[in-house]
Amino acid sequence: MPRARPRGLGGLRTRLVVAFVLVALVSAVTATALAYRESRTAVLQRKQDAVRSDFRNRVEQAAADFDVPADEVALTRFAGIVADGLGGEDTVVVATYRSRTASSDTSAGRSWITPALREAVRTRNRMSFQRVDRHGRPCLVVGTPVTFDGAAPSGLDVYAVTSLRAESEDTAGVLDAVRDGIVPVVLLAAVLALLAAGTVLRPVRELGRATRRHAAGDLSSRVRVRGRDELGDLARDFNETADALQASVAELREQDARAKRFVADVSHELRTPLTAMTMVATVLDEDAGALPPDAARAARTVSAETARLARLVDDLMEMSRFDSGAARLNLTATDLAEAVRATLSLRALTDRVRTALPDGVRALVDRRRVDVIVANLVGNALRHGAPPVTLTLAADPAGDWITVEVADHGPGLPPEALTHVFDRFYKADTARTRSEGSGLGTAIALENARLHGGTIEAANRPGGGAVFTLRLPWRHVDEGTR
């Protein structure tokens, strides 16, 4: 019975689960990325708006008491006033007036104001900002020019550097929380995928089992139809196909059985009249010498054709036994070299065949059937080949097989005949509609070999001529008699 191939990692269940998990993983990662981006944008925007609003208010308040031109002391005091209003230890205010620069914290902040931001503040004449990252520390830098009473810029520019570390930690916390949720999401997706795969694959597995039972010969196997979806339609189609196939096979088997019974019945019914005809033909053949020439020729023709018809009936009956399974082996301990010599001697073929028959090759075989095989192969070689015909017996050194090889030195078999030489009633020379043989000899030989568990192979020799090789399993005498 054919077995299902191992599915391994390429099974449909595995692919469905992997697909589900990948979809869930991609969805979770995408959702995490979007959530992180949106939360980060919202947190930074809120922080940015708050800093800009407070910074503008503090600058306007401090500018009300500030006079220009200013020296470095005034700039430092101005930067400190703005910084105190903003609050927080992480905020540094830098004030510039022409070539002078002052900071609320002389140890940090000045280098974080990029030339691009300075240029934007001076040229745009409005508040500008920029996010910078120095040594892994994210900061927001806001700059604005100072004007008095809506007049032109006074040349005083103020910058506030505020740390974004708290906001970064908040967004990182959101990212960690969402990322930690990916694992249960993937596990849940895997569980759901297994459940879905089981639901989808159950009818597929049933269909596969039914198909394998059909391949093994059980055409009565059917699958249960569930629902009205595509799988249900597939199950219904399979059952309808199986019904039609079972009906067709049953009809073919019945026709084949009738044909086999017909051949067996005809062959059996012909045996009795053929026996009488053979006896009469034998008498006529023996007395042919005393008859007139035309009558003698007719008597010999009747005798030959009666004998040919008798052989054909015997062959048909033998084939009918093979077809019905009635053929049985009668195994006996046999010296194969002696059996082959007896086959050749019985048919007066010893002088026409070169043999290589080593002694000591003993096996359990059906001696009558081996005799039929060898006689058919040697007879074919003598009729259709050219001398010398050789017969070689050999035993496998490993002790598993015995081979009998029959070869001739004729033209060999045509390429198209190699695949049909064991077919029933096949004759390589189609122009010869009548011949000595019935076309059943090689088919009977092959059936006898198969009954032993062996086979026969046909081929052409490289140097010319056909070669038939009989292979039989070596049933040792000592093993078979235990």
Protein backbone atom coordinates (compact mmCIF):
# COMPACT_ATOMS: atom_id res chain seq x y z
CA MET A 1 0.00 0.00 0.00
CA PRO A 2 1.50 3.39 -0.92
CA ARG A 3 2.48 5.47 2.05
CA ALA A 4 2.20 9.20 2.49
CA ARG A 5 5.48 10.99 1.97
CA PRO A 6 6.96 12.63 5.06
CA ARG A 7 5.90 16.27 5.15
CA GLY A 8 8.82 17.64 7.16
CA LEU A 9 9.21 21.40 7.21
CA GLY A 10 7.57 21.76 3.81
CA GLY A 11 4.15 20.47 4.93
CA LEU A 12 1.04 22.54 4.31
CA ARG A 13 0.37 22.85 8.05
CA THR A 14 3.86 24.26 8.63
CA ARG A 15 3.51 26.70 5.76
CA LEU A 16 0.13 27.92 7.03
CA VAL A 17 1.46 28.42 10.56
CA VAL A 18 4.56 30.20 9.29
CA ALA A 19 2.41 32.43 7.07
CA PHE A 20 0.09 33.30 10.00
CA VAL A 21 3.02 34.03 12.30
CA LEU A 22 4.79 36.14 9.68
CA VAL A 23 1.64 38.15 9.03
CA ALA A 24 1.15 38.66 12.77
CA LEU A 25 4.81 39.55 13.25
CA VAL A 26 4.83 42.03 10.38
CA SER A 27 1.58 43.55 11.63
CA ALA A 28 2.90 43.82 15.17
CA VAL A 29 6.19 45.34 14.06
CA THR A 30 4.39 47.78 11.78
CA ALA A 31 1.97 48.74 14.55
CA THR A 32 4.90 49.17 16.96
CA ALA A 33 6.77 51.37 14.52
CA LEU A 34 3.69 53.51 13.85
CA ALA A 35 2.86 53.74 17.55
CA TYR A 36 6.42 54.70 18.39
CA ARG A 37 6.56 57.31 15.65
CA GLU A 38 3.22 58.85 16.57
CA SER A 39 3.91 58.86 20.30
CA ARG A 40 7.38 60.29 19.81
CA THR A 41 6.05 62.99 17.51
CA ALA A 42 3.28 63.88 19.94
CA VAL A 43 5.59 64.02 22.97
CA LEU A 44 8.24 66.07 21.16
CA GLN A 45 5.66 68.41 19.67
CA ARG A 46 4.11 69.03 23.07
CA LYS A 47 7.52 69.64 24.60
CA GLN A 48 8.52 71.87 21.71
CA ASP A 49 5.34 73.96 21.92
CA ALA A 50 5.71 74.37 25.68
CA VAL A 51 9.37 75.41 25.47
CA ARG A 52 8.72 77.88 22.66
CA SER A 53 5.78 79.47 24.50
CA ASP A 54 7.65 79.80 27.80
CA PHE A 55 10.81 80.94 26.05
CA ARG A 56 8.96 83.70 24.15
CA ASN A 57 7.26 84.94 27.31
CA ARG A 58 10.49 84.98 29.33
CA VAL A 59 12.39 86.78 26.59
CA GLU A 60 9.69 89.45 26.29
CA GLN A 61 9.65 90.00 30.06
CA ALA A 62 13.42 90.16 30.35
CA ALA A 63 13.77 92.39 27.28
CA ALA A 64 11.55 95.08 28.89
CA ASP A 65 14.37 95.92 31.32
CA PHE A 66 17.26 95.45 28.93
CA ASP A 67 19.07 98.27 27.15
CA VAL A 68 21.33 98.15 24.13
CA PRO A 69 24.13 98.42 23.45
CA ALA A 70 24.98 95.82 26.09
CA ASP A 71 28.23 94.65 27.59
CA GLU A 72 29.11 91.10 28.56
CA VAL A 73 27.92 91.54 32.16
CA ALA A 74 24.51 92.72 31.00
CA LEU A 75 24.28 89.83 28.58
CA THR A 76 25.12 87.33 31.32
CA ARG A 77 22.52 88.83 33.66
CA PHE A 78 19.96 88.79 30.82
CA ALA A 79 20.66 85.11 30.06
CA GLY A 80 20.32 84.24 33.74
CA ILE A 81 16.96 86.03 34.04
CA VAL A 82 15.56 84.12 31.02
CA ALA A 83 16.93 80.82 32.32
CA ASP A 84 15.45 81.34 35.79
CA GLY A 85 12.07 81.84 34.24
CA LEU A 86 12.30 78.69 32.17
CA GLY A 87 13.41 76.67 35.17
CA GLY A 88 14.99 73.27 35.21
CA GLU A 89 18.60 72.34 35.61
CA ASP A 90 18.71 70.92 32.07
CA THR A 91 17.97 74.31 30.43
CA VAL A 92 20.79 76.65 29.37
CA VAL A 93 20.19 80.13 27.88
CA VAL A 94 22.74 81.74 25.57
CA ALA A 95 22.54 85.45 24.64
CA THR A 96 24.53 87.03 21.80
CA TYR A 97 24.90 90.68 20.95
CA ARG A 98 27.03 91.39 17.94
CA SER A 99 30.40 89.80 18.79
CA ARG A 100 29.64 89.24 22.47
CA THR A 101 28.21 85.97 23.82
CA ALA A 102 27.06 85.13 27.33
CA SER A 103 25.49 82.03 28.87
CA SER A 104 23.53 81.18 31.98
CA ASP A 105 25.88 78.23 32.36
CA THR A 106 29.38 78.88 31.17
CA SER A 107 30.28 75.19 31.18
CA ALA A 108 27.78 74.04 28.54
CA GLY A 109 25.39 75.03 25.84
CA ARG A 110 27.29 77.37 23.51
CA SER A 111 28.71 74.68 21.28
CA TRP A 112 25.26 73.16 20.80
CA ILE A 113 24.01 76.12 18.77
CA THR A 114 24.74 75.19 15.19
CA PRO A 115 25.70 77.73 12.50
CA ALA A 116 22.56 76.76 10.59
CA LEU A 117 20.33 77.77 13.50
CA ARG A 118 22.20 81.04 14.02
CA GLU A 119 21.80 81.85 10.34
CA ALA A 120 18.06 80.98 10.44
CA VAL A 121 17.46 83.27 13.43
CA ARG A 122 19.28 86.21 11.88
CA THR A 123 17.89 85.96 8.36
CA ARG A 124 14.28 84.97 9.08
CA ASN A 125 13.89 87.40 11.99
CA ARG A 126 11.61 84.99 13.84
CA MET A 127 11.81 82.14 16.30
CA SER A 128 13.48 78.98 14.95
CA PHE A 129 14.35 75.69 16.55
CA GLN A 130 16.45 72.62 15.91
CA ARG A 131 16.85 69.20 17.54
CA VAL A 132 20.45 68.13 18.12
CA ASP A 133 22.10 65.06 19.56
CA ARG A 134 25.44 65.43 21.23
CA HIS A 135 27.18 62.45 22.80
CA GLY A 136 23.93 60.50 22.93
CA ARG A 137 22.07 63.33 24.65
CA PRO A 138 19.03 64.66 22.72
CA CYS A 139 18.33 68.37 23.08
CA LEU A 140 16.00 71.03 21.69
CA VAL A 141 17.61 74.34 20.78
CA VAL A 142 15.27 77.34 20.31
CA GLY A 143 16.49 80.72 19.12
CA THR A 144 14.78 84.09 18.62
CA PRO A 145 15.85 87.67 17.81
CA VAL A 146 14.91 90.41 20.32
CA THR A 147 13.04 93.49 19.10
CA PHE A 148 11.94 96.57 21.03
CA ASP A 149 8.50 98.04 20.47
CA GLY A 150 8.04 96.22 17.11
CA ALA A 151 11.09 97.95 15.63
CA ALA A 152 13.84 96.38 13.64
CA PRO A 153 15.97 93.64 15.23
CA SER A 154 18.19 95.01 17.93
CA GLY A 155 21.09 92.64 17.23
CA LEU A 156 20.36 90.72 20.43
CA ASP A 157 19.68 86.98 19.83
CA VAL A 158 18.69 84.57 22.58
CA TYR A 159 18.93 80.78 22.49
CA ALA A 160 17.58 78.19 24.92
CA VAL A 161 19.03 74.67 25.03
CA THR A 162 16.63 72.22 26.71
CA SER A 163 17.26 68.51 27.30
CA LEU A 164 14.84 66.03 25.76
CA ARG A 165 16.03 63.15 27.87
CA ALA A 166 12.75 62.75 29.77
CA GLU A 167 10.74 62.75 26.55
CA SER A 168 13.11 60.19 24.99
CA GLU A 169 12.70 57.97 28.02
CA ASP A 170 8.93 58.26 27.76
CA THR A 171 8.87 57.28 24.09
CA ALA A 172 11.38 54.49 24.76
CA GLY A 173 9.05 53.19 27.46
CA VAL A 174 6.21 53.17 24.98
CA LEU A 175 8.41 51.30 22.49
CA ASP A 176 9.42 48.73 25.11
CA ALA A 177 5.82 48.18 26.16
CA VAL A 178 4.65 47.65 22.59
CA ARG A 179 7.67 45.51 21.76
CA ASP A 180 7.05 43.28 24.78
CA GLY A 181 3.54 42.76 23.48
CA ILE A 182 4.84 41.28 20.22
CA VAL A 183 5.75 37.93 21.80
CA PRO A 184 2.24 37.11 23.10
CA VAL A 185 0.76 38.38 19.85
CA VAL A 186 2.99 36.01 17.84
CA LEU A 187 2.22 33.11 20.20
CA LEU A 188 -1.48 33.81 19.92
CA ALA A 189 -1.16 33.97 16.14
CA ALA A 190 0.64 30.59 16.15
CA VAL A 191 -2.15 29.03 18.24
CA LEU A 192 -4.83 30.48 16.00
CA ALA A 193 -2.87 29.33 12.95
CA LEU A 194 -2.72 25.77 14.30
CA LEU A 195 -6.46 25.81 14.94
CA ALA A 196 -7.17 27.24 11.49
CA ALA A 197 -4.76 24.81 9.82
CA GLY A 198 -6.43 21.91 11.59
CA THR A 199 -9.82 23.06 10.39
CA VAL A 200 -8.62 23.52 6.82
CA LEU A 201 -6.36 20.48 6.60
CA ARG A 202 -8.70 17.95 8.20
CA PRO A 203 -10.73 17.43 5.00
CA VAL A 204 -7.52 17.57 2.98
CA ARG A 205 -6.01 14.79 5.10
CA GLU A 206 -9.18 12.74 4.74
CA LEU A 207 -9.03 13.26 1.01
CA GLY A 208 -5.38 12.18 0.98
CA ARG A 209 -6.16 9.01 2.95
CA ALA A 210 -9.04 8.18 0.62
CA THR A 211 -6.80 8.75 -2.41
CA ARG A 212 -4.13 6.43 -1.00
CA ARG A 213 -6.77 3.76 -0.32
CA HIS A 214 -7.90 4.12 -3.92
CA ALA A 215 -4.32 3.73 -5.10
CA ALA A 216 -4.11 0.56 -3.01
CA GLY A 217 -7.21 -0.83 -4.71
CA ASP A 218 -9.97 0.09 -2.24
CA LEU A 219 -12.32 1.97 -4.55
CA SER A 220 -15.12 2.00 -1.98
CA SER A 221 -13.40 4.68 0.10
CA ARG A 222 -15.23 8.01 0.32
CA VAL A 223 -14.76 11.28 2.18
CA ARG A 224 -17.28 13.06 4.37
CA VAL A 225 -18.69 16.28 2.93
CA ARG A 226 -18.63 19.22 5.35
CA GLY A 227 -20.27 22.51 4.47
CA ARG A 228 -20.75 24.19 1.13
CA ASP A 229 -17.39 25.91 0.72
CA GLU A 230 -14.63 25.04 -1.72
CA LEU A 231 -13.43 22.10 0.38
CA GLY A 232 -16.96 20.75 0.51
CA ASP A 233 -17.23 21.06 -3.28
CA LEU A 234 -13.89 19.25 -3.60
CA ALA A 235 -15.11 16.41 -1.38
CA ARG A 236 -18.32 16.08 -3.40
CA ASP A 237 -16.38 16.05 -6.67
CA PHE A 238 -14.04 13.40 -5.29
CA ASN A 239 -16.93 11.18 -4.21
CA GLU A 240 -18.63 11.53 -7.59
CA THR A 241 -15.38 10.72 -9.39
CA ALA A 242 -14.82 7.73 -7.10
CA ASP A 243 -18.34 6.46 -7.82
CA ALA A 244 -17.78 6.72 -11.56
CA LEU A 245 -14.34 5.11 -11.28
CA GLN A 246 -15.66 2.26 -9.14
CA ALA A 247 -18.44 1.59 -11.60
CA SER A 248 -16.05 1.64 -14.56
CA VAL A 249 -13.53 -0.61 -12.84
CA ALA A 250 -16.25 -3.04 -11.78
CA GLU A 251 -17.49 -3.21 -15.35
CA LEU A 252 -13.97 -3.70 -16.70
CA ARG A 253 -13.28 -6.42 -14.15
CA GLU A 254 -16.49 -8.16 -15.05
CA GLN A 255 -15.63 -7.99 -18.75
CA ASP A 256 -12.12 -9.26 -18.05
CA ALA A 257 -13.48 -12.12 -15.95
CA ARG A 258 -15.95 -13.02 -18.72
CA ALA A 259 -13.15 -12.96 -21.28
CA LYS A 260 -10.95 -15.18 -19.12
CA ARG A 261 -13.82 -17.60 -18.50
CA PHE A 262 -14.54 -17.63 -22.22
CA VAL A 263 -10.94 -18.50 -23.09
CA ALA A 264 -10.80 -21.17 -20.40
CA ASP A 265 -14.17 -22.65 -21.44
CA VAL A 266 -13.26 -22.66 -25.13
CA SER A 267 -9.90 -24.24 -24.42
CA HIS A 268 -11.52 -26.87 -22.21
CA GLU A 269 -14.22 -27.64 -24.75
CA LEU A 270 -11.62 -28.02 -27.50
CA ARG A 271 -9.59 -30.56 -25.54
CA THR A 272 -11.94 -33.52 -26.16
CA PRO A 273 -12.36 -33.10 -29.95
CA LEU A 274 -8.68 -32.25 -30.26
CA THR A 275 -7.74 -35.46 -28.52
CA ALA A 276 -9.78 -37.44 -31.01
CA MET A 277 -8.42 -35.39 -33.92
CA THR A 278 -4.87 -35.94 -32.70
CA MET A 279 -5.37 -39.70 -32.55
CA VAL A 280 -6.84 -39.74 -36.06
CA ALA A 281 -4.10 -37.45 -37.38
CA THR A 282 -1.43 -39.69 -35.87
CA VAL A 283 -2.88 -42.74 -37.63
CA LEU A 284 -3.09 -40.82 -40.91
CA ASP A 285 0.48 -39.58 -40.51
CA GLU A 286 1.75 -43.10 -39.89
CA ASP A 287 -0.07 -44.46 -42.96
CA ALA A 288 0.79 -41.48 -45.19
CA GLY A 289 3.48 -43.51 -46.97
CA ALA A 290 0.88 -45.91 -48.34
CA LEU A 291 -1.40 -43.17 -49.63
CA PRO A 292 -1.29 -41.39 -53.00
CA PRO A 293 0.98 -38.29 -53.01
CA ASP A 294 -1.85 -35.74 -52.71
CA ALA A 295 -3.59 -37.69 -49.97
CA ALA A 296 -0.28 -38.21 -48.14
CA ARG A 297 0.48 -34.49 -48.26
CA ALA A 298 -2.99 -33.67 -46.97
CA ALA A 299 -2.65 -36.21 -44.14
CA ARG A 300 0.69 -34.77 -43.02
CA THR A 301 -0.71 -31.23 -43.19
CA VAL A 302 -3.71 -32.22 -41.06
CA SER A 303 -1.40 -33.92 -38.56
CA ALA A 304 0.91 -30.86 -38.28
CA GLU A 305 -1.94 -28.37 -37.96
CA THR A 306 -3.71 -30.56 -35.40
CA ALA A 307 -0.54 -30.72 -33.34
CA ARG A 308 -0.13 -26.93 -33.63
CA LEU A 309 -3.74 -26.39 -32.55
CA ALA A 310 -3.24 -28.73 -29.60
CA ARG A 311 -0.18 -26.75 -28.47
CA LEU A 312 -2.13 -23.50 -28.82
CA VAL A 313 -4.98 -24.88 -26.69
CA ASP A 314 -2.51 -26.05 -24.06
CA ASP A 315 -0.90 -22.60 -24.01
CA LEU A 316 -4.27 -20.88 -23.70
CA MET A 317 -5.25 -23.09 -20.81
CA GLU A 318 -1.94 -22.38 -19.11
CA MET A 319 -2.45 -18.61 -19.53
CA SER A 320 -5.99 -18.90 -18.17
CA ARG A 321 -4.57 -20.55 -15.04
CA PHE A 322 -2.15 -17.65 -14.61
CA ASP A 323 -4.93 -15.10 -15.10
CA SER A 324 -7.27 -16.78 -12.63
CA GLY A 325 -4.54 -17.16 -10.00
CA ALA A 326 -4.87 -20.94 -10.07
CA ALA A 327 -1.23 -21.53 -11.00
CA ARG A 328 0.78 -22.87 -8.07
CA LEU A 329 4.41 -23.72 -7.50
CA ASN A 330 5.45 -27.27 -6.70
CA LEU A 331 8.85 -26.62 -5.19
CA THR A 332 11.36 -29.46 -5.08
CA ALA A 333 15.07 -29.60 -4.39
CA THR A 334 16.61 -29.47 -7.87
CA ASP A 335 20.09 -29.55 -9.34
CA LEU A 336 19.62 -26.82 -11.96
CA ALA A 337 22.47 -27.96 -14.19
CA GLU A 338 20.96 -31.45 -14.33
CA ALA A 339 17.46 -30.00 -14.96
CA VAL A 340 18.68 -27.86 -17.88
CA ARG A 341 20.54 -30.81 -19.43
CA ALA A 342 17.36 -32.89 -19.15
CA THR A 343 15.35 -30.14 -20.88
CA LEU A 344 17.77 -30.05 -23.82
CA SER A 345 18.05 -33.82 -24.05
CA LEU A 346 14.28 -34.36 -23.98
CA ARG A 347 13.90 -32.08 -27.01
CA ALA A 348 17.00 -33.33 -28.82
CA LEU A 349 18.68 -29.93 -28.53
CA THR A 350 21.87 -30.97 -26.73
CA ASP A 351 24.04 -30.91 -29.87
CA ARG A 352 22.63 -27.56 -31.06
CA VAL A 353 23.33 -25.55 -27.91
CA ARG A 354 26.63 -24.69 -26.25
CA THR A 355 26.27 -24.85 -22.49
CA ALA A 356 28.17 -23.67 -19.43
CA LEU A 357 26.47 -25.46 -16.54
CA PRO A 358 28.44 -25.54 -13.29
CA ASP A 359 27.49 -28.37 -10.97
CA GLY A 360 26.40 -27.88 -7.40
CA VAL A 361 23.79 -25.16 -7.98
CA ARG A 362 20.87 -26.60 -6.04
CA ALA A 363 17.69 -24.69 -5.25
CA LEU A 364 14.02 -25.12 -4.51
CA VAL A 365 12.18 -24.56 -7.82
CA ASP A 366 9.23 -25.92 -9.73
CA ARG A 367 11.13 -28.20 -12.07
CA ARG A 368 8.33 -28.43 -14.66
CA ARG A 369 8.01 -24.66 -14.90
CA VAL A 370 11.77 -24.17 -15.18
CA ASP A 371 11.72 -26.76 -17.98
CA VAL A 372 9.02 -24.72 -19.78
CA ILE A 373 11.00 -21.48 -19.40
CA VAL A 374 14.28 -22.93 -20.69
CA ALA A 375 12.59 -24.78 -23.56
CA ASN A 376 10.82 -21.61 -24.71
CA LEU A 377 13.93 -19.43 -24.55
CA VAL A 378 16.15 -21.96 -26.31
CA GLY A 379 13.46 -22.70 -28.92
CA ASN A 380 13.11 -18.98 -29.71
CA ALA A 381 16.88 -18.58 -30.06
CA LEU A 382 17.08 -21.53 -32.46
CA ARG A 383 14.06 -20.44 -34.52
CA HIS A 384 14.73 -16.72 -34.81
CA GLY A 385 18.45 -16.36 -34.12
CA ALA A 386 21.56 -17.85 -35.63
CA PRO A 387 24.06 -20.38 -34.28
CA PRO A 388 25.89 -20.77 -32.11
CA VAL A 389 23.28 -20.59 -29.35
CA THR A 390 24.77 -20.50 -25.87
CA LEU A 391 23.17 -21.30 -22.52
CA THR A 392 24.91 -20.21 -19.32
CA LEU A 393 23.95 -20.99 -15.72
CA ALA A 394 25.40 -18.76 -13.00
CA ALA A 395 24.83 -18.20 -9.29
CA ASP A 396 25.17 -14.83 -7.62
CA PRO A 397 28.27 -14.83 -5.38
CA ALA A 398 26.16 -13.13 -2.68
CA GLY A 399 23.83 -16.12 -2.81
CA ASP A 400 20.60 -14.23 -3.65
CA TRP A 401 19.97 -14.91 -7.34
CA ILE A 402 20.40 -17.55 -10.01
CA THR A 403 20.65 -16.51 -13.66
CA VAL A 404 20.18 -18.53 -16.85
CA GLU A 405 21.31 -16.70 -19.96
CA VAL A 406 20.33 -17.81 -23.48
CA ALA A 407 22.08 -15.96 -26.31
CA ASP A 408 22.31 -16.34 -30.08
CA HIS A 409 24.41 -14.75 -32.82
CA GLY A 410 21.64 -13.66 -35.15
CA PRO A 411 20.54 -10.16 -36.15
CA GLY A 412 19.04 -9.49 -32.73
CA LEU A 413 15.67 -8.01 -31.87
CA PRO A 414 14.38 -4.85 -33.57
CA PRO A 415 14.26 -1.88 -31.17
CA GLU A 416 10.45 -1.76 -31.27
CA ALA A 417 10.28 -5.47 -30.39
CA LEU A 418 12.30 -5.17 -27.17
CA THR A 419 9.39 -3.61 -25.30
CA HIS A 420 6.79 -6.06 -26.68
CA VAL A 421 8.66 -9.36 -26.87
CA PHE A 422 6.84 -10.68 -23.79
CA ASP A 423 3.38 -9.53 -24.94
CA ARG A 424 0.83 -12.22 -25.70
CA PHE A 425 0.53 -13.23 -29.36
CA TYR A 426 3.30 -10.78 -30.28
CA LYS A 427 5.48 -11.69 -33.24
CA ALA A 428 8.44 -9.54 -34.22
CA ASP A 429 7.96 -10.39 -37.91
CA THR A 430 4.47 -9.04 -38.56
CA ALA A 431 4.66 -10.12 -42.19
CA ARG A 432 4.61 -13.75 -41.08
CA THR A 433 1.00 -14.16 -40.07
CA ARG A 434 1.55 -17.87 -39.56
CA SER A 435 4.53 -19.39 -37.83
CA GLU A 436 5.44 -22.47 -35.85
CA GLY A 437 4.88 -20.67 -32.56
CA SER A 438 1.69 -19.22 -31.14
CA GLY A 439 3.21 -16.02 -29.80
CA LEU A 440 2.52 -17.15 -26.25
CA GLY A 441 5.83 -18.84 -25.48
CA THR A 442 7.73 -15.86 -24.06
CA ALA A 443 4.60 -14.65 -22.19
CA ILE A 444 4.23 -18.08 -20.53
CA ALA A 445 7.95 -18.13 -19.70
CA LEU A 446 7.72 -14.70 -18.04
CA GLU A 447 4.63 -15.71 -16.03
CA ASN A 448 6.45 -18.83 -14.79
CA ALA A 449 9.44 -16.70 -13.80
CA ARG A 450 7.22 -14.23 -11.94
CA LEU A 451 5.51 -17.11 -10.16
CA HIS A 452 8.95 -17.97 -8.75
CA GLY A 453 9.49 -14.32 -7.76
CA GLY A 454 11.90 -13.73 -10.64
CA THR A 455 11.85 -12.12 -14.07
CA ILE A 456 13.16 -12.39 -17.62
CA GLU A 457 14.99 -9.58 -19.43
CA ALA A 458 15.53 -9.27 -23.18
CA ALA A 459 18.36 -7.30 -24.79
CA ASN A 460 20.68 -7.19 -27.79
CA ARG A 461 24.33 -8.09 -27.48
CA PRO A 462 26.89 -5.45 -28.53
CA GLY A 463 28.45 -7.91 -30.97
CA GLY A 464 25.12 -8.97 -32.47
CA GLY A 465 22.39 -11.36 -31.44
CA ALA A 466 19.68 -11.40 -28.82
CA VAL A 467 20.13 -12.45 -25.20
CA PHE A 468 17.40 -13.49 -22.76
CA THR A 469 18.30 -13.55 -19.07
CA LEU A 470 16.21 -15.49 -16.56
CA ARG A 471 16.68 -14.37 -12.93
CA LEU A 472 15.30 -16.51 -10.13
CA PRO A 473 15.64 -15.92 -6.39
CA TRP A 474 17.93 -18.54 -4.93
CA ARG A 475 15.90 -20.55 -2.47
CA HIS A 476 18.60 -22.65 -0.89
CA VAL A 477 17.73 -26.27 -0.29
CA ASP A 478 18.87 -26.24 3.35
CA GLU A 479 16.86 -23.06 4.06
CA GLY A 480 13.72 -24.32 2.38
CA THR A 481 13.68 -27.66 4.13
CA ARG A 482 14.05 -26.39 7.65
